[in-house]
Amino acid sequence: MPKLVFYYFNFPFWRAEVSRLALHLGEVEFEDKRMDFKAFKETGKAPFGQAPILEVDGKVISQTGAIARYCGKQGGFYPRDDDFAAAKIDELIDTATDITNLVGPTMRMGDEEKLEARQKLAGDKLPMYFTALEGMMKANGSTGFFVGDKMTIADLAMWRLFGWFKGGALDGMPTDLLDSYPLLTKSFNDMDTNPKIKAWMDSHYPKK
């Protein structure tokens, strides 16, 4: 097995947790390096100056989707022999990125502008994405998973992305946005109460 070292900050954002959990749940050994942004920059390892990055026997992979697919393959959460399923998973990872990029600019806004922008997203763009995601789960046969009939990195990514909204970390963003989407809500709750996932979260992010 290759020596894997994963670099990110010490919080459970989907960009990192999708890969961390794909490895952890798949019982793949890796070093989980958690550091602040200054220390990360000082490593000089990130080709684009962005986290996360993954070292594989000393060679660096950057970009969330590329890392997630690699870790998904190692852990058994991304298909090696089903191109259509792989493309559907990629579609969902790209969608998680799109949603993140919608919210990202609001982080740099002043309070009043931020609240207004987030309320607009909550009433417009986000329902469009969530309606489409609900439809994808229904089209997949309401299996409880986004692709196929077992957990993939798509489910891991969406679970933590939804947790970003439901957890109250985004001022001005309603925490009940998912409530009108029963399949998305069930997916989130099932993932959130999965014993192995819950044990990981409780041990790494204990509630204060």
Protein backbone atom coordinates (compact mmCIF):
# COMPACT_ATOMS: atom_id res chain seq x y z
CA MET A 1 0.00 0.00 0.00
CA PRO A 2 1.22 3.54 -0.73
CA LYS A 3 2.03 5.88 2.13
CA LEU A 4 -0.79 8.44 2.29
CA VAL A 5 -0.61 11.82 4.03
CA PHE A 6 -3.71 14.04 3.95
CA TYR A 7 -3.34 17.77 4.64
CA TYR A 8 -6.22 20.02 5.70
CA PHE A 9 -7.44 22.19 8.55
CA ASN A 10 -9.03 20.87 11.73
CA PHE A 11 -12.69 21.23 10.90
CA PRO A 12 -15.20 18.90 9.21
CA PHE A 13 -15.75 20.62 5.88
CA TRP A 14 -16.91 18.32 3.09
CA ARG A 15 -13.85 19.01 0.92
CA ALA A 16 -11.73 17.18 3.48
CA GLU A 17 -14.13 14.85 5.24
CA VAL A 18 -15.18 13.08 2.04
CA SER A 19 -11.60 11.82 1.60
CA ARG A 20 -10.75 11.34 5.26
CA LEU A 21 -13.84 9.17 5.75
CA ALA A 22 -13.43 7.25 2.50
CA LEU A 23 -10.04 6.15 3.80
CA HIS A 24 -11.12 5.66 7.41
CA LEU A 25 -14.29 3.70 6.62
CA GLY A 26 -12.37 1.65 4.07
CA GLU A 27 -9.74 0.84 6.72
CA VAL A 28 -6.98 2.39 4.63
CA GLU A 29 -4.06 3.62 6.72
CA PHE A 30 -3.23 7.32 6.28
CA GLU A 31 -1.64 10.16 8.20
CA ASP A 32 -4.18 12.88 8.95
CA LYS A 33 -2.19 16.13 9.11
CA ARG A 34 -4.31 18.94 10.53
CA MET A 35 -2.83 22.42 10.67
CA ASP A 36 -3.72 26.09 10.44
CA PHE A 37 -3.54 27.96 7.14
CA LYS A 38 -0.17 29.56 7.93
CA ALA A 39 1.45 26.20 8.67
CA PHE A 40 -0.13 24.71 5.57
CA LYS A 41 1.25 27.47 3.36
CA GLU A 42 4.68 27.05 4.92
CA THR A 43 4.84 23.40 3.84
CA GLY A 44 5.19 24.67 0.26
CA LYS A 45 3.59 21.44 -0.94
CA ALA A 46 0.38 22.77 -2.49
CA PRO A 47 0.88 23.56 -6.20
CA PHE A 48 -2.02 26.05 -6.21
CA GLY A 49 -1.71 27.15 -2.58
CA GLN A 50 -5.03 25.49 -1.76
CA ALA A 51 -6.12 22.75 0.65
CA PRO A 52 -6.71 19.87 0.74
CA ILE A 53 -3.76 18.05 -0.73
CA LEU A 54 -2.86 14.38 -0.57
CA GLU A 55 0.65 12.96 -0.64
CA VAL A 56 0.97 9.51 -2.18
CA ASP A 57 4.46 8.14 -1.53
CA GLY A 58 5.68 11.73 -1.44
CA LYS A 59 3.95 12.82 -4.67
CA VAL A 60 1.21 15.43 -4.36
CA ILE A 61 -2.37 15.32 -5.61
CA SER A 62 -4.35 18.56 -5.34
CA GLN A 63 -7.99 19.48 -6.07
CA THR A 64 -10.87 18.16 -3.99
CA GLY A 65 -12.47 15.98 -6.67
CA ALA A 66 -9.24 14.31 -7.73
CA ILE A 67 -8.32 13.51 -4.13
CA ALA A 68 -11.83 12.26 -3.32
CA ARG A 69 -11.85 9.91 -6.30
CA TYR A 70 -8.42 8.53 -5.43
CA CYS A 71 -9.37 8.00 -1.77
CA GLY A 72 -12.74 6.62 -2.82
CA LYS A 73 -11.05 3.98 -4.95
CA GLN A 74 -8.65 3.04 -2.16
CA GLY A 75 -11.48 2.72 0.36
CA GLY A 76 -14.03 1.07 -1.92
CA PHE A 77 -16.38 4.05 -2.25
CA TYR A 78 -15.77 4.82 -5.94
CA PRO A 79 -16.18 2.29 -8.75
CA ARG A 80 -13.20 1.05 -10.72
CA ASP A 81 -15.25 -0.75 -13.39
CA ASP A 82 -18.52 1.17 -13.87
CA ASP A 83 -17.96 4.30 -15.95
CA PHE A 84 -21.57 5.51 -15.74
CA ALA A 85 -21.73 5.23 -11.95
CA ALA A 86 -18.35 6.97 -11.72
CA ALA A 87 -19.64 9.82 -13.91
CA LYS A 88 -22.75 10.21 -11.72
CA ILE A 89 -20.56 10.38 -8.63
CA ASP A 90 -18.35 12.97 -10.35
CA GLU A 91 -21.50 14.95 -11.18
CA LEU A 92 -22.39 15.12 -7.50
CA ILE A 93 -18.88 16.08 -6.37
CA ASP A 94 -18.94 18.88 -8.97
CA THR A 95 -22.37 19.94 -7.69
CA ALA A 96 -21.07 20.11 -4.12
CA THR A 97 -18.28 22.34 -5.44
CA ASP A 98 -20.78 24.55 -7.29
CA ILE A 99 -22.88 25.00 -4.15
CA THR A 100 -19.78 25.78 -2.09
CA ASN A 101 -18.71 28.37 -4.67
CA LEU A 102 -22.13 30.03 -4.44
CA VAL A 103 -21.81 30.50 -0.70
CA GLY A 104 -18.05 31.22 -0.62
CA PRO A 105 -18.16 34.88 -1.73
CA THR A 106 -20.56 35.71 1.12
CA MET A 107 -17.79 34.88 3.62
CA ARG A 108 -15.97 38.03 2.57
CA MET A 109 -18.97 40.37 2.79
CA GLY A 110 -19.93 42.77 5.53
CA ASP A 111 -22.72 41.64 7.86
CA GLU A 112 -25.64 43.38 6.16
CA GLU A 113 -24.55 42.49 2.64
CA LYS A 114 -23.81 38.91 3.70
CA LEU A 115 -27.24 38.36 5.25
CA GLU A 116 -28.97 39.78 2.20
CA ALA A 117 -26.91 37.63 -0.20
CA ARG A 118 -27.53 34.47 1.81
CA GLN A 119 -31.26 35.10 2.05
CA LYS A 120 -31.32 35.51 -1.72
CA LEU A 121 -29.46 32.20 -2.19
CA ALA A 122 -31.85 30.48 0.22
CA GLY A 123 -34.82 31.63 -1.82
CA ASP A 124 -33.44 31.07 -5.29
CA LYS A 125 -30.32 29.12 -6.24
CA LEU A 126 -30.17 26.67 -3.34
CA PRO A 127 -33.74 25.38 -3.77
CA MET A 128 -32.94 24.82 -7.45
CA TYR A 129 -29.94 22.66 -6.51
CA PHE A 130 -31.74 20.82 -3.70
CA THR A 131 -34.76 20.08 -5.92
CA ALA A 132 -32.42 18.63 -8.55
CA LEU A 133 -30.58 16.56 -5.92
CA GLU A 134 -33.86 15.24 -4.55
CA GLY A 135 -34.81 14.26 -8.10
CA MET A 136 -31.50 12.42 -8.53
CA MET A 137 -32.15 10.35 -5.42
CA LYS A 138 -35.64 9.53 -6.65
CA ALA A 139 -34.32 8.60 -10.10
CA ASN A 140 -31.83 6.27 -8.40
CA GLY A 141 -34.77 4.30 -7.04
CA SER A 142 -34.97 5.95 -3.60
CA THR A 143 -32.30 3.51 -2.38
CA GLY A 144 -31.14 5.96 0.27
CA PHE A 145 -28.00 6.64 -1.76
CA PHE A 146 -27.23 9.05 -4.58
CA VAL A 147 -25.67 6.44 -6.88
CA GLY A 148 -26.39 2.72 -6.84
CA ASP A 149 -27.40 0.88 -3.69
CA LYS A 150 -24.45 1.50 -1.37
CA MET A 151 -22.48 4.40 0.07
CA THR A 152 -20.09 6.26 -2.22
CA ILE A 153 -18.03 9.42 -1.91
CA ALA A 154 -21.08 11.27 -3.32
CA ASP A 155 -23.03 10.42 -0.15
CA LEU A 156 -20.11 11.41 2.07
CA ALA A 157 -19.68 14.74 0.29
CA MET A 158 -23.38 15.64 0.36
CA TRP A 159 -23.76 14.62 3.99
CA ARG A 160 -21.09 17.07 5.13
CA LEU A 161 -22.25 19.76 2.69
CA PHE A 162 -25.77 19.50 4.12
CA GLY A 163 -24.31 19.57 7.62
CA TRP A 164 -22.76 22.94 6.76
CA PHE A 165 -26.24 24.33 6.21
CA LYS A 166 -28.02 22.48 8.99
CA GLY A 167 -25.40 23.18 11.65
CA GLY A 168 -26.02 26.92 11.87
CA ALA A 169 -22.49 27.92 10.87
CA LEU A 170 -23.77 30.19 8.09
CA ASP A 171 -25.27 33.34 9.63
CA GLY A 172 -28.48 34.34 7.90
CA MET A 173 -28.92 30.97 6.19
CA PRO A 174 -32.03 29.06 7.35
CA THR A 175 -31.09 25.77 9.01
CA ASP A 176 -34.33 24.14 7.79
CA LEU A 177 -33.55 24.43 4.07
CA LEU A 178 -33.51 20.65 3.66
CA ASP A 179 -36.73 20.00 5.54
CA SER A 180 -38.94 20.03 2.43
CA TYR A 181 -36.77 17.42 0.69
CA PRO A 182 -37.58 14.06 2.33
CA LEU A 183 -35.00 11.95 0.49
CA LEU A 184 -32.17 14.42 1.15
CA THR A 185 -33.22 14.69 4.79
CA LYS A 186 -33.29 10.91 5.21
CA SER A 187 -29.91 10.58 3.52
CA PHE A 188 -28.41 13.18 5.87
CA ASN A 189 -29.92 11.58 8.98
CA ASP A 190 -28.88 8.06 7.97
CA MET A 191 -25.30 9.17 7.33
CA ASP A 192 -25.20 11.28 10.48
CA THR A 193 -26.27 8.36 12.68
CA ASN A 194 -24.14 5.72 10.95
CA PRO A 195 -22.24 4.22 13.92
CA LYS A 196 -18.79 4.37 12.29
CA ILE A 197 -19.31 7.91 11.00
CA LYS A 198 -20.72 9.06 14.34
CA ALA A 199 -17.76 7.55 16.19
CA TRP A 200 -15.37 9.38 13.84
CA MET A 201 -17.15 12.71 14.34
CA ASP A 202 -17.43 12.30 18.12
CA SER A 203 -13.72 11.50 18.44
CA HIS A 204 -12.45 14.26 16.12
CA TYR A 205 -15.02 17.01 16.72
CA PRO A 206 -16.38 16.57 20.25
CA LYS A 207 -19.32 18.83 21.01
CA LYS A 208 -18.42 21.59 23.44
